[in-house]
N, C-alpha and C. Protein backbone atom coordinates (compact mmCIF):
# COMPACT_ATOMS: atom_id res chain seq x y z
N MET A 1 6.60 -7.68 4.16
CA MET A 1 5.76 -8.62 3.46
C MET A 1 5.59 -8.12 2.02
N LYS A 2 5.66 -9.06 1.07
CA LYS A 2 5.46 -8.67 -0.32
C LYS A 2 4.90 -9.83 -1.12
N ALA A 3 4.35 -9.50 -2.29
CA ALA A 3 3.77 -10.51 -3.17
C ALA A 3 3.92 -10.06 -4.62
N HIS A 4 4.04 -11.05 -5.50
CA HIS A 4 4.09 -10.81 -6.94
C HIS A 4 3.02 -11.70 -7.56
N LEU A 5 2.09 -11.08 -8.29
CA LEU A 5 1.01 -11.84 -8.92
C LEU A 5 1.03 -11.59 -10.43
N GLU A 6 0.58 -12.59 -11.17
CA GLU A 6 0.49 -12.45 -12.62
C GLU A 6 -0.82 -13.02 -13.12
N LYS A 7 -1.27 -12.46 -14.23
CA LYS A 7 -2.46 -12.96 -14.92
C LYS A 7 -2.07 -13.16 -16.38
N LEU A 8 -2.13 -14.41 -16.83
CA LEU A 8 -1.74 -14.75 -18.19
C LEU A 8 -2.87 -15.48 -18.89
N ASP A 9 -3.21 -15.00 -20.07
CA ASP A 9 -4.19 -15.67 -20.92
C ASP A 9 -3.85 -15.34 -22.37
N PRO A 10 -2.97 -16.17 -22.99
CA PRO A 10 -2.53 -15.88 -24.36
C PRO A 10 -3.67 -15.78 -25.37
N SER A 11 -4.74 -16.54 -25.17
CA SER A 11 -5.85 -16.49 -26.13
C SER A 11 -6.53 -15.12 -26.16
N LYS A 12 -6.42 -14.37 -25.05
CA LYS A 12 -7.01 -13.03 -24.97
C LYS A 12 -5.95 -11.93 -24.95
N ASN A 13 -4.68 -12.33 -25.21
CA ASN A 13 -3.56 -11.39 -25.22
C ASN A 13 -3.42 -10.66 -23.88
N ILE A 14 -3.61 -11.40 -22.79
CA ILE A 14 -3.49 -10.84 -21.45
C ILE A 14 -2.18 -11.31 -20.82
N ALA A 15 -1.35 -10.38 -20.40
CA ALA A 15 -0.09 -10.67 -19.70
C ALA A 15 0.15 -9.52 -18.73
N ARG A 16 -0.39 -9.64 -17.53
CA ARG A 16 -0.33 -8.56 -16.55
C ARG A 16 0.41 -9.00 -15.29
N TYR A 17 0.99 -8.03 -14.62
CA TYR A 17 1.62 -8.31 -13.33
C TYR A 17 1.12 -7.31 -12.29
N TYR A 18 1.28 -7.69 -11.03
CA TYR A 18 0.89 -6.83 -9.91
C TYR A 18 1.85 -7.14 -8.78
N ARG A 19 2.65 -6.16 -8.38
CA ARG A 19 3.57 -6.32 -7.26
C ARG A 19 3.10 -5.44 -6.11
N ILE A 20 3.17 -5.99 -4.92
CA ILE A 20 2.70 -5.24 -3.76
C ILE A 20 3.61 -5.56 -2.58
N SER A 21 3.95 -4.53 -1.80
CA SER A 21 4.81 -4.74 -0.63
C SER A 21 4.49 -3.72 0.45
N VAL A 22 4.84 -4.07 1.67
CA VAL A 22 4.68 -3.19 2.83
C VAL A 22 6.08 -2.88 3.35
N LEU A 23 6.40 -1.58 3.44
CA LEU A 23 7.72 -1.15 3.86
C LEU A 23 7.62 0.02 4.84
N PRO A 24 8.54 0.10 5.82
CA PRO A 24 8.55 1.28 6.70
C PRO A 24 9.20 2.45 5.97
N ASN A 25 8.78 3.67 6.33
CA ASN A 25 9.46 4.84 5.76
C ASN A 25 10.25 5.55 6.86
N LEU A 26 10.87 6.63 6.53
CA LEU A 26 11.75 7.33 7.48
C LEU A 26 11.00 8.10 8.56
N PHE A 27 9.69 8.22 8.44
CA PHE A 27 8.91 9.03 9.36
C PHE A 27 8.08 8.19 10.33
N GLY A 28 8.38 6.90 10.43
CA GLY A 28 7.67 6.03 11.36
C GLY A 28 6.34 5.52 10.86
N GLU A 29 6.04 5.78 9.60
CA GLU A 29 4.81 5.28 9.00
C GLU A 29 5.13 4.05 8.16
N TRP A 30 4.08 3.40 7.67
CA TRP A 30 4.23 2.23 6.83
C TRP A 30 3.66 2.53 5.45
N THR A 31 4.37 2.10 4.43
CA THR A 31 3.99 2.37 3.05
C THR A 31 3.55 1.08 2.37
N LEU A 32 2.38 1.14 1.75
CA LEU A 32 1.91 0.04 0.90
C LEU A 32 2.26 0.45 -0.52
N HIS A 33 3.24 -0.22 -1.09
CA HIS A 33 3.77 0.11 -2.42
C HIS A 33 3.19 -0.87 -3.43
N ARG A 34 2.52 -0.33 -4.46
CA ARG A 34 1.91 -1.17 -5.51
C ARG A 34 2.49 -0.78 -6.86
N GLU A 35 2.72 -1.79 -7.67
CA GLU A 35 3.16 -1.57 -9.05
C GLU A 35 2.43 -2.56 -9.93
N TRP A 36 1.90 -2.07 -11.07
CA TRP A 36 1.15 -2.96 -11.94
C TRP A 36 1.30 -2.53 -13.39
N GLY A 37 1.04 -3.48 -14.29
CA GLY A 37 1.10 -3.16 -15.71
C GLY A 37 1.21 -4.42 -16.56
N ARG A 38 1.57 -4.24 -17.81
CA ARG A 38 1.75 -5.36 -18.73
C ARG A 38 3.16 -5.93 -18.53
N ILE A 39 3.28 -7.23 -18.54
CA ILE A 39 4.58 -7.88 -18.38
C ILE A 39 5.49 -7.43 -19.52
N GLY A 40 6.71 -7.02 -19.16
CA GLY A 40 7.67 -6.57 -20.15
C GLY A 40 7.63 -5.07 -20.43
N ARG A 41 6.72 -4.37 -19.79
CA ARG A 41 6.58 -2.92 -19.99
C ARG A 41 6.70 -2.22 -18.64
N GLY A 42 6.95 -0.94 -18.69
CA GLY A 42 6.93 -0.14 -17.48
C GLY A 42 5.50 -0.04 -16.97
N GLY A 43 5.35 -0.03 -15.68
CA GLY A 43 4.00 0.00 -15.13
C GLY A 43 3.71 1.28 -14.37
N GLN A 44 2.61 1.26 -13.68
CA GLN A 44 2.22 2.38 -12.84
C GLN A 44 2.56 2.05 -11.39
N VAL A 45 2.73 3.09 -10.59
CA VAL A 45 3.10 2.92 -9.19
C VAL A 45 2.16 3.75 -8.33
N ARG A 46 1.81 3.18 -7.19
CA ARG A 46 1.00 3.92 -6.22
C ARG A 46 1.52 3.57 -4.82
N MET A 47 1.61 4.57 -3.95
CA MET A 47 2.03 4.35 -2.57
C MET A 47 0.99 4.94 -1.64
N ASP A 48 0.56 4.13 -0.68
CA ASP A 48 -0.41 4.57 0.33
C ASP A 48 0.25 4.49 1.69
N LEU A 49 0.01 5.48 2.54
CA LEU A 49 0.60 5.53 3.88
C LEU A 49 -0.37 5.01 4.93
N PHE A 50 0.19 4.30 5.93
CA PHE A 50 -0.58 3.79 7.05
C PHE A 50 0.18 4.09 8.34
N ARG A 51 -0.56 4.25 9.41
CA ARG A 51 0.07 4.56 10.70
C ARG A 51 0.73 3.35 11.34
N SER A 52 0.23 2.15 11.03
CA SER A 52 0.81 0.95 11.66
C SER A 52 1.04 -0.14 10.62
N GLN A 53 1.93 -1.04 10.98
CA GLN A 53 2.24 -2.18 10.11
C GLN A 53 1.02 -3.09 9.98
N VAL A 54 0.26 -3.24 11.04
CA VAL A 54 -0.93 -4.10 11.03
C VAL A 54 -1.95 -3.58 10.01
N GLU A 55 -2.19 -2.28 9.99
CA GLU A 55 -3.13 -1.69 9.02
C GLU A 55 -2.64 -1.91 7.59
N ALA A 56 -1.35 -1.68 7.36
CA ALA A 56 -0.79 -1.83 6.01
C ALA A 56 -0.87 -3.28 5.54
N GLU A 57 -0.56 -4.22 6.41
CA GLU A 57 -0.62 -5.63 6.03
C GLU A 57 -2.05 -6.09 5.83
N GLY A 58 -2.99 -5.51 6.57
CA GLY A 58 -4.40 -5.81 6.34
C GLY A 58 -4.85 -5.36 4.96
N ALA A 59 -4.41 -4.18 4.55
CA ALA A 59 -4.72 -3.67 3.21
C ALA A 59 -4.06 -4.54 2.15
N LEU A 60 -2.83 -4.98 2.40
CA LEU A 60 -2.13 -5.86 1.47
C LEU A 60 -2.91 -7.16 1.27
N ASP A 61 -3.34 -7.78 2.36
CA ASP A 61 -4.11 -9.02 2.27
C ASP A 61 -5.41 -8.82 1.51
N THR A 62 -6.08 -7.70 1.74
CA THR A 62 -7.33 -7.40 1.03
C THR A 62 -7.09 -7.27 -0.47
N LEU A 63 -6.02 -6.57 -0.86
CA LEU A 63 -5.71 -6.40 -2.27
C LEU A 63 -5.32 -7.71 -2.94
N ILE A 64 -4.55 -8.54 -2.24
CA ILE A 64 -4.17 -9.84 -2.80
C ILE A 64 -5.41 -10.68 -3.03
N HIS A 65 -6.31 -10.70 -2.06
CA HIS A 65 -7.55 -11.47 -2.20
C HIS A 65 -8.37 -10.97 -3.39
N ALA A 66 -8.47 -9.66 -3.55
CA ALA A 66 -9.24 -9.08 -4.67
C ALA A 66 -8.61 -9.46 -6.01
N LYS A 67 -7.29 -9.43 -6.10
CA LYS A 67 -6.61 -9.80 -7.35
C LYS A 67 -6.79 -11.29 -7.65
N GLN A 68 -6.75 -12.13 -6.62
CA GLN A 68 -6.93 -13.56 -6.84
C GLN A 68 -8.34 -13.87 -7.31
N LYS A 69 -9.31 -13.09 -6.89
CA LYS A 69 -10.68 -13.26 -7.39
C LYS A 69 -10.75 -12.95 -8.88
N ARG A 70 -9.83 -12.10 -9.36
CA ARG A 70 -9.79 -11.73 -10.79
C ARG A 70 -8.80 -12.59 -11.56
N LYS A 71 -8.48 -13.78 -11.02
CA LYS A 71 -7.66 -14.79 -11.70
C LYS A 71 -6.16 -14.48 -11.73
N TYR A 72 -5.69 -13.58 -10.89
CA TYR A 72 -4.25 -13.38 -10.74
C TYR A 72 -3.73 -14.51 -9.87
N GLU A 73 -2.51 -14.99 -10.17
CA GLU A 73 -1.90 -16.07 -9.40
C GLU A 73 -0.57 -15.61 -8.83
N LYS A 74 -0.26 -16.06 -7.61
CA LYS A 74 1.03 -15.73 -7.01
C LYS A 74 2.14 -16.45 -7.77
N VAL A 75 3.24 -15.73 -7.94
CA VAL A 75 4.40 -16.30 -8.65
C VAL A 75 5.52 -16.50 -7.66
């Protein structure tokens, strides 16, 4: 499962992206991979480990909801 969100507001010079995905790793765990930053620039990356796919997807849904509250839109 993955999502790409963007927040654009030219009047405030805002052009941000947020990518998030859930992937299995080689050790039987699940990784929540996040990348964010200004559109057109290199961003920051964070990876969080979860024991199950259900936990990781729950965290993904929570983060998507939080970003949408801050006016990010799915692309």
